[in-house]
């Protein structure tokens, strides 16, 4: 499920993708307007099944995370931090399996 939010602090919109267990598996960048965030969700849905769009990373603290990139190379979502590579791969598979058909809840 995608959830839209509005940040009073930054006056911008963003979204999270949640797994069926309610855990956030992908968070977007900030968008100037709601249309931008809606376009971001559409881009996640389009790109989620393409494994070449996932950029696997290791943070300075040794934890693992991934970015999902659009066709133009721009990051459209970042994962949470994982303690293992296997956990990160499970997160990628969760985005791949959940995003394309996920509904949207507007909490903005």
PDB file of N, CA and C in Angstrom:
ATOM      1  N   UNK A   1       0.837  -1.175   0.000  1.00  0.00           N
ATOM      2  CA  UNK A   1       0.000   0.000   0.000  1.00  0.00           C
ATOM      3  C   UNK A   1       0.892   1.252   0.000  1.00  0.00           C
ATOM      4  N   UNK A   2       0.606   2.168  -0.893  1.00  0.00           N
ATOM      5  CA  UNK A   2       1.287   3.460  -0.888  1.00  0.00           C
ATOM      6  C   UNK A   2       0.500   4.404   0.018  1.00  0.00           C
ATOM      7  N   UNK A   3       1.231   5.205   0.785  1.00  0.00           N
ATOM      8  CA  UNK A   3       0.601   6.225   1.619  1.00  0.00           C
ATOM      9  C   UNK A   3       1.230   7.576   1.288  1.00  0.00           C
ATOM     10  N   UNK A   4       0.373   8.554   0.951  1.00  0.00           N
ATOM     11  CA  UNK A   4       0.811   9.929   0.688  1.00  0.00           C
ATOM     12  C   UNK A   4       0.794  10.725   1.981  1.00  0.00           C
ATOM     13  N   UNK A   5       1.800  11.581   2.137  1.00  0.00           N
ATOM     14  CA  UNK A   5       1.885  12.461   3.296  1.00  0.00           C
ATOM     15  C   UNK A   5       2.248  13.870   2.847  1.00  0.00           C
ATOM     16  N   UNK A   6       1.904  14.832   3.689  1.00  0.00           N
ATOM     17  CA  UNK A   6       2.321  16.218   3.493  1.00  0.00           C
ATOM     18  C   UNK A   6       3.130  16.608   4.720  1.00  0.00           C
ATOM     19  N   UNK A   7       4.323  17.127   4.508  1.00  0.00           N
ATOM     20  CA  UNK A   7       5.180  17.557   5.602  1.00  0.00           C
ATOM     21  C   UNK A   7       4.968  19.050   5.857  1.00  0.00           C
ATOM     22  N   UNK A   8       4.403  19.368   6.996  1.00  0.00           N
ATOM     23  CA  UNK A   8       4.226  20.781   7.376  1.00  0.00           C
ATOM     24  C   UNK A   8       5.579  21.476   7.488  1.00  0.00           C
ATOM     25  N   UNK A   9       6.552  20.737   7.988  1.00  0.00           N
ATOM     26  CA  UNK A   9       7.889  21.298   8.216  1.00  0.00           C
ATOM     27  C   UNK A   9       8.540  21.775   6.915  1.00  0.00           C
ATOM     28  N   UNK A  10       8.456  20.939   5.862  1.00  0.00           N
ATOM     29  CA  UNK A  10       9.115  21.292   4.607  1.00  0.00           C
ATOM     30  C   UNK A  10       8.139  21.794   3.535  1.00  0.00           C
ATOM     31  N   UNK A  11       6.825  21.730   3.838  1.00  0.00           N
ATOM     32  CA  UNK A  11       5.780  22.110   2.873  1.00  0.00           C
ATOM     33  C   UNK A  11       5.899  21.311   1.576  1.00  0.00           C
ATOM     34  N   UNK A  12       6.210  20.020   1.718  1.00  0.00           N
ATOM     35  CA  UNK A  12       6.350  19.151   0.560  1.00  0.00           C
ATOM     36  C   UNK A  12       5.608  17.830   0.788  1.00  0.00           C
ATOM     37  N   UNK A  13       5.420  17.103  -0.295  1.00  0.00           N
ATOM     38  CA  UNK A  13       4.731  15.814  -0.260  1.00  0.00           C
ATOM     39  C   UNK A  13       5.735  14.676  -0.391  1.00  0.00           C
ATOM     40  N   UNK A  14       5.374  13.523   0.149  1.00  0.00           N
ATOM     41  CA  UNK A  14       6.178  12.317  -0.009  1.00  0.00           C
ATOM     42  C   UNK A  14       5.271  11.103   0.158  1.00  0.00           C
ATOM     43  N   UNK A  15       5.806   9.937  -0.139  1.00  0.00           N
ATOM     44  CA  UNK A  15       5.027   8.718   0.037  1.00  0.00           C
ATOM     45  C   UNK A  15       5.898   7.597   0.580  1.00  0.00           C
ATOM     46  N   UNK A  16       5.253   6.632   1.193  1.00  0.00           N
ATOM     47  CA  UNK A  16       5.883   5.394   1.631  1.00  0.00           C
ATOM     48  C   UNK A  16       5.145   4.239   0.984  1.00  0.00           C
ATOM     49  N   UNK A  17       5.875   3.193   0.705  1.00  0.00           N
ATOM     50  CA  UNK A  17       5.285   1.934   0.288  1.00  0.00           C
ATOM     51  C   UNK A  17       5.409   0.978   1.458  1.00  0.00           C
ATOM     52  N   UNK A  18       4.276   0.407   1.855  1.00  0.00           N
ATOM     53  CA  UNK A  18       4.274  -0.529   2.980  1.00  0.00           C
ATOM     54  C   UNK A  18       4.014  -1.948   2.488  1.00  0.00           C
ATOM     55  N   UNK A  19       4.668  -2.897   3.146  1.00  0.00           N
ATOM     56  CA  UNK A  19       4.421  -4.314   2.884  1.00  0.00           C
ATOM     57  C   UNK A  19       3.099  -4.707   3.528  1.00  0.00           C
ATOM     58  N   UNK A  20       2.677  -5.925   3.263  1.00  0.00           N
ATOM     59  CA  UNK A  20       1.410  -6.408   3.810  1.00  0.00           C
ATOM     60  C   UNK A  20       1.419  -6.431   5.336  1.00  0.00           C
ATOM     61  N   UNK A  21       2.614  -6.546   5.937  1.00  0.00           N
ATOM     62  CA  UNK A  21       2.699  -6.551   7.405  1.00  0.00           C
ATOM     63  C   UNK A  21       2.742  -5.138   7.989  1.00  0.00           C
ATOM     64  N   UNK A  22       2.622  -4.116   7.143  1.00  0.00           N
ATOM     65  CA  UNK A  22       2.597  -2.732   7.603  1.00  0.00           C
ATOM     66  C   UNK A  22       3.956  -2.072   7.706  1.00  0.00           C
ATOM     67  N   UNK A  23       5.016  -2.803   7.447  1.00  0.00           N
ATOM     68  CA  UNK A  23       6.365  -2.256   7.535  1.00  0.00           C
ATOM     69  C   UNK A  23       6.681  -1.425   6.300  1.00  0.00           C
ATOM     70  N   UNK A  24       7.305  -0.269   6.496  1.00  0.00           N
ATOM     71  CA  UNK A  24       7.714   0.578   5.365  1.00  0.00           C
ATOM     72  C   UNK A  24       8.875  -0.099   4.650  1.00  0.00           C
ATOM     73  N   UNK A  25       8.718  -0.300   3.350  1.00  0.00           N
ATOM     74  CA  UNK A  25       9.779  -0.936   2.570  1.00  0.00           C
ATOM     75  C   UNK A  25      10.431   0.022   1.572  1.00  0.00           C
ATOM     76  N   UNK A  26       9.793   1.174   1.330  1.00  0.00           N
ATOM     77  CA  UNK A  26      10.362   2.162   0.415  1.00  0.00           C
ATOM     78  C   UNK A  26       9.805   3.532   0.760  1.00  0.00           C
ATOM     79  N   UNK A  27      10.676   4.520   0.811  1.00  0.00           N
ATOM     80  CA  UNK A  27      10.264   5.908   1.069  1.00  0.00           C
ATOM     81  C   UNK A  27      10.739   6.791  -0.071  1.00  0.00           C
ATOM     82  N   UNK A  28       9.883   7.723  -0.456  1.00  0.00           N
ATOM     83  CA  UNK A  28      10.215   8.589  -1.591  1.00  0.00           C
ATOM     84  C   UNK A  28      11.052   9.782  -1.161  1.00  0.00           C
ATOM     85  N   UNK A  29      11.499  10.485  -2.170  1.00  0.00           N
ATOM     86  CA  UNK A  29      12.091  11.799  -1.984  1.00  0.00           C
ATOM     87  C   UNK A  29      10.943  12.775  -1.701  1.00  0.00           C
ATOM     88  N   UNK A  30      11.272  14.013  -1.414  1.00  0.00           N
ATOM     89  CA  UNK A  30      10.255  15.039  -1.198  1.00  0.00           C
ATOM     90  C   UNK A  30       9.887  15.668  -2.547  1.00  0.00           C
ATOM     91  N   UNK A  31       8.603  15.983  -2.688  1.00  0.00           N
ATOM     92  CA  UNK A  31       8.084  16.580  -3.919  1.00  0.00           C
ATOM     93  C   UNK A  31       7.447  17.925  -3.602  1.00  0.00           C
ATOM     94  N   UNK A  32       7.588  18.869  -4.529  1.00  0.00           N
ATOM     95  CA  UNK A  32       7.040  20.212  -4.355  1.00  0.00           C
ATOM     96  C   UNK A  32       5.516  20.213  -4.302  1.00  0.00           C
ATOM     97  N   UNK A  33       4.902  19.263  -5.017  1.00  0.00           N
ATOM     98  CA  UNK A  33       3.439  19.235  -5.056  1.00  0.00           C
ATOM     99  C   UNK A  33       2.945  17.790  -5.088  1.00  0.00           C
ATOM    100  N   UNK A  34       1.659  17.646  -4.883  1.00  0.00           N
ATOM    101  CA  UNK A  34       1.058  16.319  -4.826  1.00  0.00           C
ATOM    102  C   UNK A  34       1.172  15.597  -6.162  1.00  0.00           C
ATOM    103  N   UNK A  35       1.031  16.318  -7.262  1.00  0.00           N
ATOM    104  CA  UNK A  35       1.160  15.706  -8.583  1.00  0.00           C
ATOM    105  C   UNK A  35       2.521  15.050  -8.750  1.00  0.00           C
ATOM    106  N   UNK A  36       3.557  15.692  -8.246  1.00  0.00           N
ATOM    107  CA  UNK A  36       4.894  15.112  -8.317  1.00  0.00           C
ATOM    108  C   UNK A  36       4.973  13.796  -7.556  1.00  0.00           C
ATOM    109  N   UNK A  37       4.365  13.757  -6.378  1.00  0.00           N
ATOM    110  CA  UNK A  37       4.341  12.528  -5.583  1.00  0.00           C
ATOM    111  C   UNK A  37       3.535  11.442  -6.290  1.00  0.00           C
ATOM    112  N   UNK A  38       2.422  11.821  -6.901  1.00  0.00           N
ATOM    113  CA  UNK A  38       1.620  10.848  -7.658  1.00  0.00           C
ATOM    114  C   UNK A  38       2.419  10.293  -8.841  1.00  0.00           C
ATOM    115  N   UNK A  39       3.173  11.153  -9.512  1.00  0.00           N
ATOM    116  CA  UNK A  39       4.029  10.697 -10.602  1.00  0.00           C
ATOM    117  C   UNK A  39       5.113   9.757 -10.077  1.00  0.00           C
ATOM    118  N   UNK A  40       5.609  10.042  -8.868  1.00  0.00           N
ATOM    119  CA  UNK A  40       6.606   9.173  -8.235  1.00  0.00           C
ATOM    120  C   UNK A  40       6.055   7.780  -7.978  1.00  0.00           C
ATOM    121  N   UNK A  41       4.828   7.692  -7.486  1.00  0.00           N
ATOM    122  CA  UNK A  41       4.188   6.388  -7.273  1.00  0.00           C
ATOM    123  C   UNK A  41       4.060   5.646  -8.598  1.00  0.00           C
ATOM    124  N   UNK A  42       3.623   6.338  -9.630  1.00  0.00           N
ATOM    125  CA  UNK A  42       3.489   5.708 -10.945  1.00  0.00           C
ATOM    126  C   UNK A  42       4.838   5.185 -11.435  1.00  0.00           C
ATOM    127  N   UNK A  43       5.897   5.931 -11.172  1.00  0.00           N
ATOM    128  CA  UNK A  43       7.234   5.515 -11.579  1.00  0.00           C
ATOM    129  C   UNK A  43       7.687   4.281 -10.796  1.00  0.00           C
ATOM    130  N   UNK A  44       7.400   4.237  -9.498  1.00  0.00           N
ATOM    131  CA  UNK A  44       7.728   3.046  -8.706  1.00  0.00           C
ATOM    132  C   UNK A  44       7.003   1.835  -9.287  1.00  0.00           C
ATOM    133  N   UNK A  45       5.726   1.999  -9.569  1.00  0.00           N
ATOM    134  CA  UNK A  45       4.949   0.879 -10.125  1.00  0.00           C
ATOM    135  C   UNK A  45       5.534   0.396 -11.449  1.00  0.00           C
ATOM    136  N   UNK A  46       5.958   1.328 -12.296  1.00  0.00           N
ATOM    137  CA  UNK A  46       6.525   0.977 -13.608  1.00  0.00           C
ATOM    138  C   UNK A  46       7.875   0.274 -13.487  1.00  0.00           C
ATOM    139  N   UNK A  47       8.679   0.712 -12.528  1.00  0.00           N
ATOM    140  CA  UNK A  47      10.068   0.251 -12.441  1.00  0.00           C
ATOM    141  C   UNK A  47      10.311  -0.873 -11.440  1.00  0.00           C
ATOM    142  N   UNK A  48       9.352  -1.174 -10.605  1.00  0.00           N
ATOM    143  CA  UNK A  48       9.551  -2.115  -9.494  1.00  0.00           C
ATOM    144  C   UNK A  48       9.955  -3.512  -9.942  1.00  0.00           C
ATOM    145  N   UNK A  49       9.472  -3.955 -11.084  1.00  0.00           N
ATOM    146  CA  UNK A  49       9.754  -5.325 -11.504  1.00  0.00           C
ATOM    147  C   UNK A  49      11.066  -5.474 -12.275  1.00  0.00           C
ATOM    148  N   UNK A  50      11.714  -4.369 -12.581  1.00  0.00           N
ATOM    149  CA  UNK A  50      12.969  -4.378 -13.336  1.00  0.00           C
ATOM    150  C   UNK A  50      14.144  -4.399 -12.359  1.00  0.00           C
ATOM    151  N   UNK A  51      14.752  -5.567 -12.194  1.00  0.00           N
ATOM    152  CA  UNK A  51      15.823  -5.720 -11.200  1.00  0.00           C
ATOM    153  C   UNK A  51      17.027  -4.825 -11.494  1.00  0.00           C
ATOM    154  N   UNK A  52      17.194  -4.387 -12.739  1.00  0.00           N
ATOM    155  CA  UNK A  52      18.327  -3.511 -13.062  1.00  0.00           C
ATOM    156  C   UNK A  52      18.135  -2.106 -12.494  1.00  0.00           C
ATOM    157  N   UNK A  53      16.939  -1.776 -12.020  1.00  0.00           N
ATOM    158  CA  UNK A  53      16.652  -0.444 -11.485  1.00  0.00           C
ATOM    159  C   UNK A  53      16.976  -0.331  -9.991  1.00  0.00           C
ATOM    160  N   UNK A  54      17.401  -1.440  -9.377  1.00  0.00           N
ATOM    161  CA  UNK A  54      17.731  -1.431  -7.953  1.00  0.00           C
ATOM    162  C   UNK A  54      19.227  -1.243  -7.772  1.00  0.00           C
ATOM    163  N   UNK A  55      19.568  -0.236  -6.999  1.00  0.00           N
ATOM    164  CA  UNK A  55      20.964   0.058  -6.684  1.00  0.00           C
ATOM    165  C   UNK A  55      21.204  -0.391  -5.243  1.00  0.00           C
ATOM    166  N   UNK A  56      22.015  -1.423  -5.081  1.00  0.00           N
ATOM    167  CA  UNK A  56      22.316  -1.966  -3.753  1.00  0.00           C
ATOM    168  C   UNK A  56      23.485  -1.206  -3.157  1.00  0.00           C
ATOM    169  N   UNK A  57      23.345  -0.805  -1.887  1.00  0.00           N
ATOM    170  CA  UNK A  57      24.337   0.055  -1.243  1.00  0.00           C
ATOM    171  C   UNK A  57      24.673  -0.477   0.157  1.00  0.00           C
ATOM    172  N   UNK A  58      25.833  -0.083   0.649  1.00  0.00           N
ATOM    173  CA  UNK A  58      26.234  -0.356   2.024  1.00  0.00           C
ATOM    174  C   UNK A  58      26.540   0.988   2.680  1.00  0.00           C
ATOM    175  N   UNK A  59      25.890   1.250   3.804  1.00  0.00           N
ATOM    176  CA  UNK A  59      26.100   2.507   4.531  1.00  0.00           C
ATOM    177  C   UNK A  59      27.429   2.450   5.300  1.00  0.00           C
ATOM    178  N   UNK A  60      27.882   3.601   5.768  1.00  0.00           N
ATOM    179  CA  UNK A  60      29.143   3.667   6.505  1.00  0.00           C
ATOM    180  C   UNK A  60      29.107   2.863   7.803  1.00  0.00           C
ATOM    181  N   UNK A  61      27.901   2.594   8.307  1.00  0.00           N
ATOM    182  CA  UNK A  61      27.782   1.798   9.533  1.00  0.00           C
ATOM    183  C   UNK A  61      27.704   0.301   9.252  1.00  0.00           C
ATOM    184  N   UNK A  62      27.880  -0.096   7.980  1.00  0.00           N
ATOM    185  CA  UNK A  62      27.879  -1.500   7.613  1.00  0.00           C
ATOM    186  C   UNK A  62      26.513  -2.080   7.308  1.00  0.00           C
ATOM    187  N   UNK A  63      25.467  -1.267   7.431  1.00  0.00           N
ATOM    188  CA  UNK A  63      24.120  -1.757   7.128  1.00  0.00           C
ATOM    189  C   UNK A  63      23.867  -1.641   5.629  1.00  0.00           C
ATOM    190  N   UNK A  64      22.890  -2.394   5.160  1.00  0.00           N
ATOM    191  CA  UNK A  64      22.586  -2.480   3.739  1.00  0.00           C
ATOM    192  C   UNK A  64      21.272  -1.778   3.432  1.00  0.00           C
ATOM    193  N   UNK A  65      21.202  -1.166   2.233  1.00  0.00           N
ATOM    194  CA  UNK A  65      19.971  -0.533   1.779  1.00  0.00           C
ATOM    195  C   UNK A  65      19.979  -0.498   0.262  1.00  0.00           C
ATOM    196  N   UNK A  66      18.858  -0.125  -0.308  1.00  0.00           N
ATOM    197  CA  UNK A  66      18.797  -0.021  -1.760  1.00  0.00           C
ATOM    198  C   UNK A  66      18.028   1.212  -2.168  1.00  0.00           C
ATOM    199  N   UNK A  67      18.328   1.672  -3.377  1.00  0.00           N
ATOM    200  CA  UNK A  67      17.591   2.743  -4.031  1.00  0.00           C
ATOM    201  C   UNK A  67      16.899   2.145  -5.245  1.00  0.00           C
ATOM    202  N   UNK A  68      15.697   2.602  -5.525  1.00  0.00           N
ATOM    203  CA  UNK A  68      15.009   2.260  -6.764  1.00  0.00           C
ATOM    204  C   UNK A  68      15.117   3.475  -7.673  1.00  0.00           C
ATOM    205  N   UNK A  69      15.618   3.256  -8.870  1.00  0.00           N
ATOM    206  CA  UNK A  69      15.836   4.360  -9.797  1.00  0.00           C
ATOM    207  C   UNK A  69      14.872   4.286 -10.974  1.00  0.00           C
ATOM    208  N   UNK A  70      14.539   5.445 -11.486  1.00  0.00           N
ATOM    209  CA  UNK A  70      13.707   5.558 -12.685  1.00  0.00           C
ATOM    210  C   UNK A  70      14.589   5.348 -13.920  1.00  0.00           C
ATOM    211  N   UNK A  71      13.963   5.311 -15.073  1.00  0.00           N
ATOM    212  CA  UNK A  71      14.696   5.120 -16.332  1.00  0.00           C
ATOM    213  C   UNK A  71      15.732   6.208 -16.574  1.00  0.00           C
ATOM    214  N   UNK A  72      15.469   7.412 -16.051  1.00  0.00           N
ATOM    215  CA  UNK A  72      16.413   8.519 -16.221  1.00  0.00           C
ATOM    216  C   UNK A  72      17.537   8.511 -15.191  1.00  0.00           C
ATOM    217  N   UNK A  73      17.565   7.491 -14.316  1.00  0.00           N
ATOM    218  CA  UNK A  73      18.620   7.373 -13.315  1.00  0.00           C
ATOM    219  C   UNK A  73      18.328   8.079 -12.000  1.00  0.00           C
ATOM    220  N   UNK A  74      17.225   8.810 -11.930  1.00  0.00           N
ATOM    221  CA  UNK A  74      16.869   9.531 -10.709  1.00  0.00           C
ATOM    222  C   UNK A  74      16.325   8.557  -9.671  1.00  0.00           C
ATOM    223  N   UNK A  75      16.723   8.763  -8.418  1.00  0.00           N
ATOM    224  CA  UNK A  75      16.230   7.929  -7.323  1.00  0.00           C
ATOM    225  C   UNK A  75      14.772   8.288  -7.052  1.00  0.00           C
ATOM    226  N   UNK A  76      13.911   7.274  -7.063  1.00  0.00           N
ATOM    227  CA  UNK A  76      12.492   7.498  -6.780  1.00  0.00           C
ATOM    228  C   UNK A  76      12.083   6.930  -5.429  1.00  0.00           C
ATOM    229  N   UNK A  77      12.954   6.133  -4.836  1.00  0.00           N
ATOM    230  CA  UNK A  77      12.660   5.601  -3.509  1.00  0.00           C
ATOM    231  C   UNK A  77      13.884   4.987  -2.876  1.00  0.00           C
ATOM    232  N   UNK A  78      13.930   5.067  -1.535  1.00  0.00           N
ATOM    233  CA  UNK A  78      15.019   4.484  -0.750  1.00  0.00           C
ATOM    234  C   UNK A  78      14.424   3.530   0.271  1.00  0.00           C
ATOM    235  N   UNK A  79      15.174   2.474   0.528  1.00  0.00           N
ATOM    236  CA  UNK A  79      14.702   1.490   1.496  1.00  0.00           C
ATOM    237  C   UNK A  79      15.109   1.878   2.912  1.00  0.00           C
ATOM    238  N   UNK A  80      14.624   1.094   3.840  1.00  0.00           N
ATOM    239  CA  UNK A  80      15.101   1.180   5.211  1.00  0.00           C
ATOM    240  C   UNK A  80      16.489   0.554   5.256  1.00  0.00           C
ATOM    241  N   UNK A  81      17.139   0.581   6.424  1.00  0.00           N
ATOM    242  CA  UNK A  81      18.429  -0.068   6.599  1.00  0.00           C
ATOM    243  C   UNK A  81      18.202  -1.521   7.027  1.00  0.00           C
ATOM    244  N   UNK A  82      19.027  -2.404   6.499  1.00  0.00           N
ATOM    245  CA  UNK A  82      18.959  -3.826   6.819  1.00  0.00           C
ATOM    246  C   UNK A  82      20.284  -4.271   7.423  1.00  0.00           C
ATOM    247  N   UNK A  83      20.227  -5.209   8.346  1.00  0.00           N
ATOM    248  CA  UNK A  83      21.441  -5.690   8.992  1.00  0.00           C
ATOM    249  C   UNK A  83      22.187  -6.721   8.141  1.00  0.00           C
ATOM    250  N   UNK A  84      21.521  -7.273   7.131  1.00  0.00           N
ATOM    251  CA  UNK A  84      22.171  -8.269   6.278  1.00  0.00           C
ATOM    252  C   UNK A  84      21.826  -8.031   4.811  1.00  0.00           C
ATOM    253  N   UNK A  85      22.670  -8.563   3.946  1.00  0.00           N
ATOM    254  CA  UNK A  85      22.386  -8.484   2.513  1.00  0.00           C
ATOM    255  C   UNK A  85      21.130  -9.266   2.179  1.00  0.00           C
ATOM    256  N   UNK A  86      20.933 -10.403   2.844  1.00  0.00           N
ATOM    257  CA  UNK A  86      19.739 -11.216   2.602  1.00  0.00           C
ATOM    258  C   UNK A  86      18.480 -10.433   2.951  1.00  0.00           C
ATOM    259  N   UNK A  87      18.509  -9.669   4.034  1.00  0.00           N
ATOM    260  CA  UNK A  87      17.374  -8.829   4.408  1.00  0.00           C
ATOM    261  C   UNK A  87      17.091  -7.786   3.352  1.00  0.00           C
ATOM    262  N   UNK A  88      18.161  -7.181   2.814  1.00  0.00           N
ATOM    263  CA  UNK A  88      18.006  -6.184   1.749  1.00  0.00           C
ATOM    264  C   UNK A  88      17.385  -6.831   0.510  1.00  0.00           C
ATOM    265  N   UNK A  89      17.849  -8.008   0.137  1.00  0.00           N
ATOM    266  CA  UNK A  89      17.293  -8.698  -1.027  1.00  0.00           C
ATOM    267  C   UNK A  89      15.821  -9.038  -0.812  1.00  0.00           C
ATOM    268  N   UNK A  90      15.455  -9.400   0.407  1.00  0.00           N
ATOM    269  CA  UNK A  90      14.044  -9.640   0.726  1.00  0.00           C
ATOM    270  C   UNK A  90      13.238  -8.360   0.562  1.00  0.00           C
ATOM    271  N   UNK A  91      13.826  -7.220   0.957  1.00  0.00           N
ATOM    272  CA  UNK A  91      13.169  -5.929   0.791  1.00  0.00           C
ATOM    273  C   UNK A  91      12.948  -5.601  -0.680  1.00  0.00           C
ATOM    274  N   UNK A  92      13.948  -5.857  -1.500  1.00  0.00           N
ATOM    275  CA  UNK A  92      13.821  -5.629  -2.941  1.00  0.00           C
ATOM    276  C   UNK A  92      12.699  -6.495  -3.508  1.00  0.00           C
ATOM    277  N   UNK A  93      12.684  -7.758  -3.131  1.00  0.00           N
ATOM    278  CA  UNK A  93      11.630  -8.656  -3.616  1.00  0.00           C
ATOM    279  C   UNK A  93      10.254  -8.218  -3.147  1.00  0.00           C
ATOM    280  N   UNK A  94      10.184  -7.652  -1.959  1.00  0.00           N
ATOM    281  CA  UNK A  94       8.909  -7.161  -1.445  1.00  0.00           C
ATOM    282  C   UNK A  94       8.414  -5.978  -2.273  1.00  0.00           C
ATOM    283  N   UNK A  95       9.309  -5.051  -2.614  1.00  0.00           N
ATOM    284  CA  UNK A  95       8.925  -3.930  -3.479  1.00  0.00           C
ATOM    285  C   UNK A  95       8.494  -4.459  -4.840  1.00  0.00           C
ATOM    286  N   UNK A  96       9.297  -5.362  -5.395  1.00  0.00           N
ATOM    287  CA  UNK A  96       8.995  -5.938  -6.710  1.00  0.00           C
ATOM    288  C   UNK A  96       7.614  -6.592  -6.734  1.00  0.00           C
ATOM    289  N   UNK A  97       7.275  -7.300  -5.659  1.00  0.00           N
ATOM    290  CA  UNK A  97       6.017  -8.040  -5.615  1.00  0.00           C
ATOM    291  C   UNK A  97       4.818  -7.195  -5.182  1.00  0.00           C
ATOM    292  N   UNK A  98       5.036  -6.181  -4.351  1.00  0.00           N
ATOM    293  CA  UNK A  98       3.930  -5.393  -3.795  1.00  0.00           C
ATOM    294  C   UNK A  98       3.597  -4.128  -4.577  1.00  0.00           C
ATOM    295  N   UNK A  99       4.602  -3.446  -5.117  1.00  0.00           N
ATOM    296  CA  UNK A  99       4.381  -2.125  -5.706  1.00  0.00           C
ATOM    297  C   UNK A  99       3.470  -2.107  -6.930  1.00  0.00           C
ATOM    298  N   UNK A 100       3.649  -3.021  -7.898  1.00  0.00           N
ATOM    299  CA  UNK A 100       2.884  -2.871  -9.136  1.00  0.00           C
ATOM    300  C   UNK A 100       1.364  -2.816  -8.957  1.00  0.00           C
ATOM    301  N   UNK A 101       0.819  -3.504  -8.006  1.00  0.00           N
ATOM    302  CA  UNK A 101      -0.631  -3.551  -7.826  1.00  0.00           C
ATOM    303  C   UNK A 101      -1.098  -2.860  -6.543  1.00  0.00           C
ATOM    304  N   UNK A 102      -0.194  -2.181  -5.860  1.00  0.00           N
ATOM    305  CA  UNK A 102      -0.529  -1.562  -4.576  1.00  0.00           C
ATOM    306  C   UNK A 102      -1.520  -0.408  -4.739  1.00  0.00           C
ATOM    307  N   UNK A 103      -2.446  -0.308  -3.817  1.00  0.00           N
ATOM    308  CA  UNK A 103      -3.360   0.805  -3.780  1.00  0.00           C
ATOM    309  C   UNK A 103      -2.711   2.018  -3.145  1.00  0.00           C
ATOM    310  N   UNK A 104      -3.460   3.112  -3.077  1.00  0.00           N
ATOM    311  CA  UNK A 104      -2.938   4.360  -2.528  1.00  0.00           C
ATOM    312  C   UNK A 104      -3.921   4.899  -1.483  1.00  0.00           C
ATOM    313  N   UNK A 105      -3.360   5.300  -0.346  1.00  0.00           N
ATOM    314  CA  UNK A 105      -4.127   5.980   0.693  1.00  0.00           C
ATOM    315  C   UNK A 105      -3.563   7.385   0.819  1.00  0.00           C
ATOM    316  N   UNK A 106      -4.425   8.387   0.734  1.00  0.00           N
ATOM    317  CA  UNK A 106      -3.985   9.781   0.827  1.00  0.00           C
ATOM    318  C   UNK A 106      -4.138  10.261   2.259  1.00  0.00           C
ATOM    319  N   UNK A 107      -3.027  10.433   2.944  1.00  0.00           N
ATOM    320  CA  UNK A 107      -3.016  10.916   4.331  1.00  0.00           C
ATOM    321  C   UNK A 107      -2.516  12.361   4.397  1.00  0.00           C
ATOM    322  N   UNK A 108      -2.459  13.003   3.225  1.00  0.00           N
ATOM    323  CA  UNK A 108      -1.936  14.376   3.190  1.00  0.00           C
ATOM    324  C   UNK A 108      -3.055  15.335   3.565  1.00  0.00           C
TER     325      UNK A 108
END
